[in-house]
C-alpha cells in the first residue's frame, strides 16, 4: 500500500516536472512571432490559464512531431471522463497532456468580513450555526487532458464561427469596447488623423479621462486600436505603479490584450502586432523578452477574459468541446495515468475526470 508520504513525493515530483515544462515553453517565446502565436492560441483556449495553455500547446506539438496526432494545433481538450460524457473515448496509447488542476478546501467564518476569522473545515466537518462557508483554492495538483484528435466516437457539433472580410471589424465589437471604456469613466473621441494625436493610432489620457482613436483607418484597425486603448484604461492607470514602471511592458501588455480580443473574434492582427510587440519588448532595459512573458502572460489573459466576458458578440470557441459542461461531474479522484490503455468501464476511474476550474 502506498503511504501518504510516497503519494506526496509523487505529486511534488510531477509538479516539478510541470514547472520545468512551463519554463521550457516560456523560454521558447523569444520573438514577437512566437509571442503572437501563443496569444492567438490562448485566445482560442481562453477557459484555461495562460500557464496551462502553454503546457497544452507544447505537449501537443510534441505529440504531433511524434506522429500521435494529425493536426499541429489542438482543437478541443477535456478530461478522460468528460470525453466519455460526449460519447467519445481516448484512444489506446494516446498520452495525456499534463496540466495544473486546483486543490480546494472549505472554510467557515462567523464574521466573513474579518479575514482572521476564517477556519478550514475538515473533510466531513459541518459549519457551526450562522457560519458562512466558502471554497478556496489551496494548491494545485497534476491532472491530464486529451485533445479531440486523441479520441474517437460521436461527432462533435460544429459551433458557428465569426468570419471577416479584409478591413472589416467583427459585428458589434466596436460598440461593445466603447461601452466598456465609457463604463470605466472615460470619454471616447474620434479624431480626423494621426497628426492630432502625435502620430499615434490612439491615445489614452488618464488626466482628462479620454480615449482618442483616429478615423482614417480601416474598421478592423480602428477596433484593434480601441481594444489596445481599453487595455491601457484597465491596466495602466496612475494607481498601477508596477505596470507603469516601463512603457515597454505596458505597450506589450496592451497590444497583447488587443491581439487576444481580435483572435477571439476570428480577427488576425499579426501584421501589426508582431513588429509592435517585438520592438517594445526589445526596449525594456534589463529584461529579456522571456522575462516579460513570465511577468505579463497571466495578467494579459485575465484582462482579455474580463473584457470578453462583458462583450455580447459572436466569438470563436474557447477550447472546451461543444456540448460539454465543465462544471458537471467534477470528482476528487487521483490524477490520470499519463497514457491511455483503453480501460474497461470498471477501470476507468483511474483516469482523471476533472478539468481545471478557477481559471486554471
Protein backbone atom coordinates (compact mmCIF):
# COMPACT_ATOMS: atom_id res chain seq x y z
CA UNK A 1 0.00 0.00 0.00
CA UNK A 2 1.31 3.43 -0.97
CA UNK A 3 1.93 5.67 2.04
CA UNK A 4 0.84 9.31 2.34
CA UNK A 5 4.46 10.44 2.18
CA UNK A 6 5.02 8.47 -1.02
CA UNK A 7 1.91 9.96 -2.62
CA UNK A 8 3.03 13.44 -1.62
CA UNK A 9 6.50 12.83 -3.04
CA UNK A 10 5.00 11.58 -6.31
CA UNK A 11 2.77 14.64 -6.57
CA UNK A 12 5.66 17.00 -5.87
CA UNK A 13 7.79 15.26 -8.49
CA UNK A 14 5.03 15.68 -11.06
CA UNK A 15 4.61 19.34 -10.15
CA UNK A 16 8.38 19.85 -10.54
CA UNK A 17 8.16 18.19 -13.96
CA UNK A 18 5.32 20.51 -14.95
CA UNK A 19 7.28 23.53 -13.74
CA UNK A 20 10.23 22.56 -15.91
CA UNK A 21 7.94 22.10 -18.91
CA UNK A 22 6.44 25.51 -18.31
CA UNK A 23 9.86 27.20 -18.11
CA UNK A 24 10.85 25.46 -21.34
CA UNK A 25 7.70 26.67 -23.08
CA UNK A 26 8.17 30.24 -21.89
CA UNK A 27 11.83 30.33 -22.88
CA UNK A 28 10.86 29.40 -26.44
CA UNK A 29 8.74 32.57 -26.77
CA UNK A 30 11.70 34.76 -27.61
CA UNK A 31 10.33 36.53 -30.68
CA UNK A 32 7.32 38.63 -31.47
CA UNK A 33 6.09 35.94 -33.86
CA UNK A 34 6.14 33.27 -31.16
CA UNK A 35 4.53 35.58 -28.60
CA UNK A 36 1.74 36.46 -31.02
CA UNK A 37 1.19 32.79 -31.87
CA UNK A 38 0.98 31.93 -28.16
CA UNK A 39 -1.58 34.68 -27.58
CA UNK A 40 -3.71 33.63 -30.55
CA UNK A 41 -3.68 30.10 -29.17
CA UNK A 42 -4.52 31.36 -25.66
CA UNK A 43 -7.49 33.26 -27.11
CA UNK A 44 -8.81 30.02 -28.57
CA UNK A 45 -8.28 28.26 -25.23
CA UNK A 46 -9.26 31.18 -23.02
CA UNK A 47 -11.07 28.96 -20.49
CA UNK A 48 -7.57 27.82 -19.44
CA UNK A 49 -4.90 29.71 -17.54
CA UNK A 50 -2.04 31.11 -19.58
CA UNK A 51 0.36 28.61 -17.98
CA UNK A 52 -1.87 25.65 -18.81
CA UNK A 53 -2.35 27.00 -22.33
CA UNK A 54 1.42 26.90 -22.83
CA UNK A 55 1.64 23.39 -21.36
CA UNK A 56 -1.09 22.09 -23.69
CA UNK A 57 0.47 23.83 -26.68
CA UNK A 58 3.94 22.41 -26.06
CA UNK A 59 2.80 18.84 -25.34
CA UNK A 60 0.51 18.77 -28.37
CA UNK A 61 3.41 19.94 -30.55
CA UNK A 62 5.49 17.04 -29.21
CA UNK A 63 2.64 14.61 -29.93
CA UNK A 64 2.37 15.97 -33.48
CA UNK A 65 6.11 15.58 -34.06
CA UNK A 66 5.86 12.00 -32.79
CA UNK A 67 3.03 11.27 -35.25
CA UNK A 68 0.46 10.67 -32.49
CA UNK A 69 -1.93 13.38 -33.70
CA UNK A 70 -2.68 14.52 -37.23
CA UNK A 71 -3.08 18.26 -36.64
CA UNK A 72 -0.30 20.61 -35.43
CA UNK A 73 -2.69 22.67 -33.27
CA UNK A 74 -5.11 21.37 -30.62
CA UNK A 75 -8.82 21.87 -31.26
CA UNK A 76 -10.63 20.98 -28.02
CA UNK A 77 -9.27 19.46 -24.82
CA UNK A 78 -11.10 17.73 -21.95
CA UNK A 79 -10.58 15.18 -19.21
CA UNK A 80 -10.96 11.43 -19.75
CA UNK A 81 -14.44 11.12 -18.27
CA UNK A 82 -15.54 14.35 -19.89
CA UNK A 83 -14.82 12.89 -23.32
CA UNK A 84 -16.90 9.86 -22.30
CA UNK A 85 -19.78 12.20 -21.42
CA UNK A 86 -19.64 13.39 -25.04
CA UNK A 87 -19.71 9.84 -26.41
CA UNK A 88 -16.02 9.74 -27.23
CA UNK A 89 -13.18 7.55 -25.93
CA UNK A 90 -9.49 8.30 -25.57
CA UNK A 91 -7.67 6.00 -27.98
CA UNK A 92 -5.23 3.42 -26.72
CA UNK A 93 -1.65 4.69 -26.39
CA UNK A 94 -2.51 8.38 -26.50
CA UNK A 95 -0.57 10.42 -23.89
CA UNK A 96 -2.50 12.79 -21.68
CA UNK A 97 -1.32 16.39 -21.54
CA UNK A 98 -0.26 17.34 -18.03
CA UNK A 99 -1.85 20.47 -16.63
CA UNK A 100 -2.21 22.10 -13.22
CA UNK A 101 -5.60 21.46 -11.59
CA UNK A 102 -6.83 23.17 -8.42
CA UNK A 103 -6.94 21.69 -4.93
CA UNK A 104 -9.70 23.34 -2.92
CA UNK A 105 -10.66 23.44 0.75
CA UNK A 106 -13.78 24.53 2.63
CA UNK A 107 -13.52 27.43 5.04
CA UNK A 108 -16.07 28.75 7.54
CA UNK A 109 -16.43 32.05 9.36
CA UNK A 110 -18.96 33.66 11.72
CA UNK A 111 -17.79 37.12 10.54
CA UNK A 112 -16.85 36.91 6.84
CA UNK A 113 -15.59 40.49 6.73
CA UNK A 114 -12.80 39.57 9.18
CA UNK A 115 -10.01 37.71 7.31
CA UNK A 116 -8.65 36.29 10.57
CA UNK A 117 -11.96 34.64 11.43
CA UNK A 118 -11.87 32.04 8.65
CA UNK A 119 -11.00 28.47 9.62
CA UNK A 120 -10.58 25.45 7.42
CA UNK A 121 -13.13 22.68 7.82
CA UNK A 122 -12.09 19.06 7.99
CA UNK A 123 -13.35 16.67 5.34
CA UNK A 124 -16.68 15.79 7.00
CA UNK A 125 -16.91 18.70 9.40
CA UNK A 126 -20.08 20.78 9.33
CA UNK A 127 -20.04 24.53 9.91
CA UNK A 128 -21.40 25.97 13.11
CA UNK A 129 -24.80 27.69 13.10
CA UNK A 130 -24.67 31.12 11.42
CA UNK A 131 -21.25 30.48 9.87
CA UNK A 132 -20.70 31.26 6.21
CA UNK A 133 -18.88 28.64 4.13
CA UNK A 134 -16.68 29.32 1.12
CA UNK A 135 -14.40 27.19 -1.03
CA UNK A 136 -10.87 28.40 -1.61
CA UNK A 137 -8.06 27.13 -3.77
CA UNK A 138 -5.24 25.99 -1.50
CA UNK A 139 -2.88 24.45 -4.02
CA UNK A 140 -2.51 22.66 -7.33
CA UNK A 141 -2.08 19.08 -8.43
CA UNK A 142 -1.12 17.41 -11.69
CA UNK A 143 -4.04 16.37 -13.90
CA UNK A 144 -4.44 15.26 -17.51
CA UNK A 145 -6.47 16.31 -20.53
CA UNK A 146 -6.63 14.95 -24.07
CA UNK A 147 -7.20 16.69 -27.38
CA UNK A 148 -10.13 15.75 -29.61
CA UNK A 149 -7.64 14.30 -32.12
CA UNK A 150 -6.70 11.70 -29.48
CA UNK A 151 -10.27 10.44 -29.17
CA UNK A 152 -12.83 8.68 -31.32
CA UNK A 153 -16.59 8.27 -31.17
CA UNK A 154 -19.58 10.53 -31.66
CA UNK A 155 -19.15 13.51 -33.97
CA UNK A 156 -18.75 16.82 -32.17
CA UNK A 157 -21.15 19.59 -33.19
CA UNK A 158 -19.60 22.48 -35.07
CA UNK A 159 -20.30 25.80 -33.37
CA UNK A 160 -20.75 28.92 -35.52
CA UNK A 161 -17.57 30.93 -36.08
CA UNK A 162 -17.30 34.60 -36.99
CA UNK A 163 -15.91 35.38 -40.44
CA UNK A 164 -14.38 38.64 -41.57
CA UNK A 165 -13.61 40.25 -44.86
CA UNK A 166 -10.34 42.16 -45.06
CA UNK A 167 -10.66 45.54 -43.45
CA UNK A 168 -13.94 44.80 -41.72
CA UNK A 169 -14.43 44.70 -37.95
CA UNK A 170 -16.39 41.99 -36.09
CA UNK A 171 -20.03 42.96 -35.77
CA UNK A 172 -20.79 44.73 -32.50
CA UNK A 173 -17.18 44.75 -31.29
CA UNK A 174 -16.62 48.50 -31.58
CA UNK A 175 -19.83 49.24 -29.69
CA UNK A 176 -19.01 46.69 -27.00
CA UNK A 177 -15.48 48.02 -26.45
CA UNK A 178 -16.72 51.61 -26.47
CA UNK A 179 -19.25 50.73 -23.79
CA UNK A 180 -16.51 49.27 -21.56
CA UNK A 181 -14.39 52.42 -21.98
CA UNK A 182 -17.32 54.61 -21.00
CA UNK A 183 -18.15 52.31 -18.08
CA UNK A 184 -14.62 52.93 -16.80
CA UNK A 185 -15.33 56.65 -16.73
CA UNK A 186 -13.53 57.64 -19.94
CA UNK A 187 -14.92 59.60 -22.89
CA UNK A 188 -14.32 58.12 -26.35
CA UNK A 189 -13.44 60.69 -29.02
CA UNK A 190 -12.76 60.32 -32.76
CA UNK A 191 -10.01 62.43 -34.30
CA UNK A 192 -9.58 63.01 -38.03
CA UNK A 193 -5.95 61.95 -38.40
CA UNK A 194 -2.84 60.86 -36.52
CA UNK A 195 -1.36 64.36 -36.62
CA UNK A 196 -3.91 65.36 -33.98
CA UNK A 197 -2.61 62.73 -31.51
CA UNK A 198 1.16 62.98 -32.03
CA UNK A 199 1.28 60.45 -34.87
CA UNK A 200 -0.37 57.66 -32.88
CA UNK A 201 -3.31 55.46 -33.83
CA UNK A 202 -4.90 56.00 -30.44
CA UNK A 203 -4.16 57.78 -27.17
CA UNK A 204 -5.42 57.32 -23.62
CA UNK A 205 -5.26 60.37 -21.35
CA UNK A 206 -5.71 59.48 -17.69
CA UNK A 207 -5.86 63.09 -16.52
CA UNK A 208 -8.55 64.16 -18.99
CA UNK A 209 -10.22 60.73 -18.84
CA UNK A 210 -10.36 60.46 -22.63
CA UNK A 211 -9.58 57.85 -25.27
CA UNK A 212 -8.92 59.14 -28.78
CA UNK A 213 -8.80 56.99 -31.92
CA UNK A 214 -8.05 58.34 -35.38
CA UNK A 215 -10.73 57.97 -38.04
CA UNK A 216 -8.55 57.49 -41.14
CA UNK A 217 -8.04 53.73 -40.67
CA UNK A 218 -9.95 50.63 -41.78
CA UNK A 219 -12.66 49.50 -39.33
CA UNK A 220 -10.56 46.47 -38.32
CA UNK A 221 -7.57 48.66 -37.47
CA UNK A 222 -9.78 51.07 -35.54
CA UNK A 223 -11.38 48.33 -33.45
CA UNK A 224 -7.97 46.77 -32.75
CA UNK A 225 -6.72 50.18 -31.61
CA UNK A 226 -9.79 50.61 -29.41
CA UNK A 227 -9.08 47.24 -27.74
CA UNK A 228 -5.47 48.36 -27.18
CA UNK A 229 -6.60 51.60 -25.54
CA UNK A 230 -9.17 49.80 -23.39
CA UNK A 231 -6.36 47.60 -22.10
CA UNK A 232 -4.44 50.75 -21.15
CA UNK A 233 -7.53 52.08 -19.35
CA UNK A 234 -7.91 48.89 -17.31
CA UNK A 235 -4.25 48.05 -16.71
CA UNK A 236 -2.09 51.18 -16.69
CA UNK A 237 -3.81 53.94 -14.76
CA UNK A 238 -1.98 56.19 -12.26
CA UNK A 239 -2.79 53.72 -9.45
CA UNK A 240 -0.97 50.89 -11.29
CA UNK A 241 2.56 51.82 -10.27
CA UNK A 242 4.13 48.45 -11.02
CA UNK A 243 2.65 48.36 -14.52
CA UNK A 244 3.82 51.92 -15.27
CA UNK A 245 7.49 51.41 -14.39
CA UNK A 246 8.46 50.87 -18.02
CA UNK A 247 6.39 51.92 -21.01
CA UNK A 248 7.63 48.94 -22.99
CA UNK A 249 5.96 46.48 -20.62
CA UNK A 250 2.72 48.46 -20.77
CA UNK A 251 2.72 48.52 -24.58
CA UNK A 252 3.43 44.77 -24.77
CA UNK A 253 0.53 44.15 -22.39
CA UNK A 254 -1.94 46.43 -24.19
CA UNK A 255 -1.14 45.12 -27.67
CA UNK A 256 -1.24 41.53 -26.39
CA UNK A 257 -4.72 42.09 -24.96
CA UNK A 258 -5.78 43.60 -28.31
CA UNK A 259 -4.46 40.54 -30.14
CA UNK A 260 -6.41 38.19 -27.85
CA UNK A 261 -9.61 40.21 -28.23
CA UNK A 262 -9.19 40.11 -32.01
CA UNK A 263 -8.31 36.41 -32.11
CA UNK A 264 -11.35 35.55 -30.01
CA UNK A 265 -13.44 37.12 -32.78
CA UNK A 266 -11.62 35.45 -35.68
CA UNK A 267 -9.61 38.56 -36.41
CA UNK A 268 -5.87 38.32 -37.19
CA UNK A 269 -3.86 41.37 -36.08
CA UNK A 270 -0.44 39.74 -36.55
CA UNK A 271 0.79 42.04 -39.32
CA UNK A 272 0.64 44.97 -36.93
CA UNK A 273 1.06 43.25 -33.56
CA UNK A 274 4.21 41.22 -34.23
CA UNK A 275 6.54 44.10 -35.11
CA UNK A 276 4.91 46.31 -32.48
CA UNK A 277 5.38 43.81 -29.64
CA UNK A 278 8.85 42.85 -30.82
CA UNK A 279 10.10 46.43 -30.87
CA UNK A 280 8.71 47.31 -27.44
CA UNK A 281 9.83 44.06 -25.77
CA UNK A 282 13.36 44.56 -27.08
CA UNK A 283 13.49 48.02 -25.50
CA UNK A 284 12.76 47.01 -21.91
CA UNK A 285 16.12 47.65 -20.29
CA UNK A 286 17.49 44.86 -18.16
CA UNK A 287 14.80 42.34 -19.14
CA UNK A 288 14.79 39.60 -21.72
CA UNK A 289 11.59 39.03 -23.73
CA UNK A 290 11.07 35.70 -21.92
CA UNK A 291 11.09 37.55 -18.59
CA UNK A 292 8.35 39.84 -19.87
CA UNK A 293 6.32 36.79 -20.92
CA UNK A 294 6.61 35.33 -17.43
CA UNK A 295 5.57 38.59 -15.82
CA UNK A 296 2.69 39.53 -18.13
CA UNK A 297 1.19 36.33 -19.59
CA UNK A 298 -1.49 35.65 -16.98
CA UNK A 299 -2.13 39.36 -16.42
CA UNK A 300 -2.81 39.78 -20.16
CA UNK A 301 -5.10 36.76 -20.22
CA UNK A 302 -7.05 37.88 -17.15
CA UNK A 303 -7.66 41.33 -18.62
CA UNK A 304 -8.69 39.93 -22.01
CA UNK A 305 -11.06 37.48 -20.30
CA UNK A 306 -12.62 40.27 -18.25
CA UNK A 307 -13.30 42.23 -21.45
CA UNK A 308 -14.53 39.23 -23.45
CA UNK A 309 -16.92 38.14 -20.70
CA UNK A 310 -18.62 41.54 -20.92
CA UNK A 311 -18.98 41.59 -24.72
CA UNK A 312 -22.23 40.43 -26.31
CA UNK A 313 -20.52 39.44 -29.58
CA UNK A 314 -20.08 36.25 -31.55
CA UNK A 315 -16.75 34.66 -30.66
CA UNK A 316 -14.76 31.60 -31.66
CA UNK A 317 -14.73 28.64 -29.26
CA UNK A 318 -12.74 28.66 -26.03
CA UNK A 319 -11.18 25.19 -26.30
CA UNK A 320 -13.99 23.42 -24.45
CA UNK A 321 -15.63 20.70 -26.60
CA UNK A 322 -19.08 21.77 -27.81
CA UNK A 323 -21.80 20.37 -25.56
CA UNK A 324 -19.54 19.82 -22.52
CA UNK A 325 -20.38 21.41 -19.17
CA UNK A 326 -17.01 21.59 -17.42
CA UNK A 327 -18.62 22.26 -14.07
CA UNK A 328 -20.52 18.97 -14.15
CA UNK A 329 -19.16 15.70 -12.89
CA UNK A 330 -16.11 17.02 -11.03
CA UNK A 331 -14.53 14.43 -8.76
CA UNK A 332 -11.66 14.26 -6.33
CA UNK A 333 -10.12 11.22 -7.97
CA UNK A 334 -6.39 10.87 -8.38
CA UNK A 335 -4.65 12.23 -11.47
CA UNK A 336 -4.89 10.07 -14.55
CA UNK A 337 -2.21 7.73 -15.75
CA UNK A 338 -0.13 9.50 -18.35
CA UNK A 339 -1.06 7.18 -21.23
CA UNK A 340 -4.45 5.74 -22.06
CA UNK A 341 -4.63 1.95 -22.08
CA UNK A 342 -8.22 1.73 -23.35
CA UNK A 343 -9.55 0.61 -19.91
CA UNK A 344 -12.69 -1.33 -19.28
CA UNK A 345 -15.56 0.54 -17.64
CA UNK A 346 -14.51 -0.92 -14.30
CA UNK A 347 -11.01 0.54 -14.56
CA UNK A 348 -11.87 3.94 -15.98
CA UNK A 349 -11.93 5.74 -12.57
CA UNK A 350 -8.15 5.58 -12.71
CA UNK A 351 -8.31 8.45 -15.17
CA UNK A 352 -8.84 11.99 -14.01
CA UNK A 353 -12.32 13.13 -14.89
CA UNK A 354 -11.77 16.66 -13.63
CA UNK A 355 -10.72 19.53 -15.77
CA UNK A 356 -9.48 22.85 -14.49
CA UNK A 357 -11.53 25.38 -12.61
CA UNK A 358 -10.99 28.88 -11.27
CA UNK A 359 -9.13 29.85 -14.44
CA UNK A 360 -6.50 27.09 -14.25
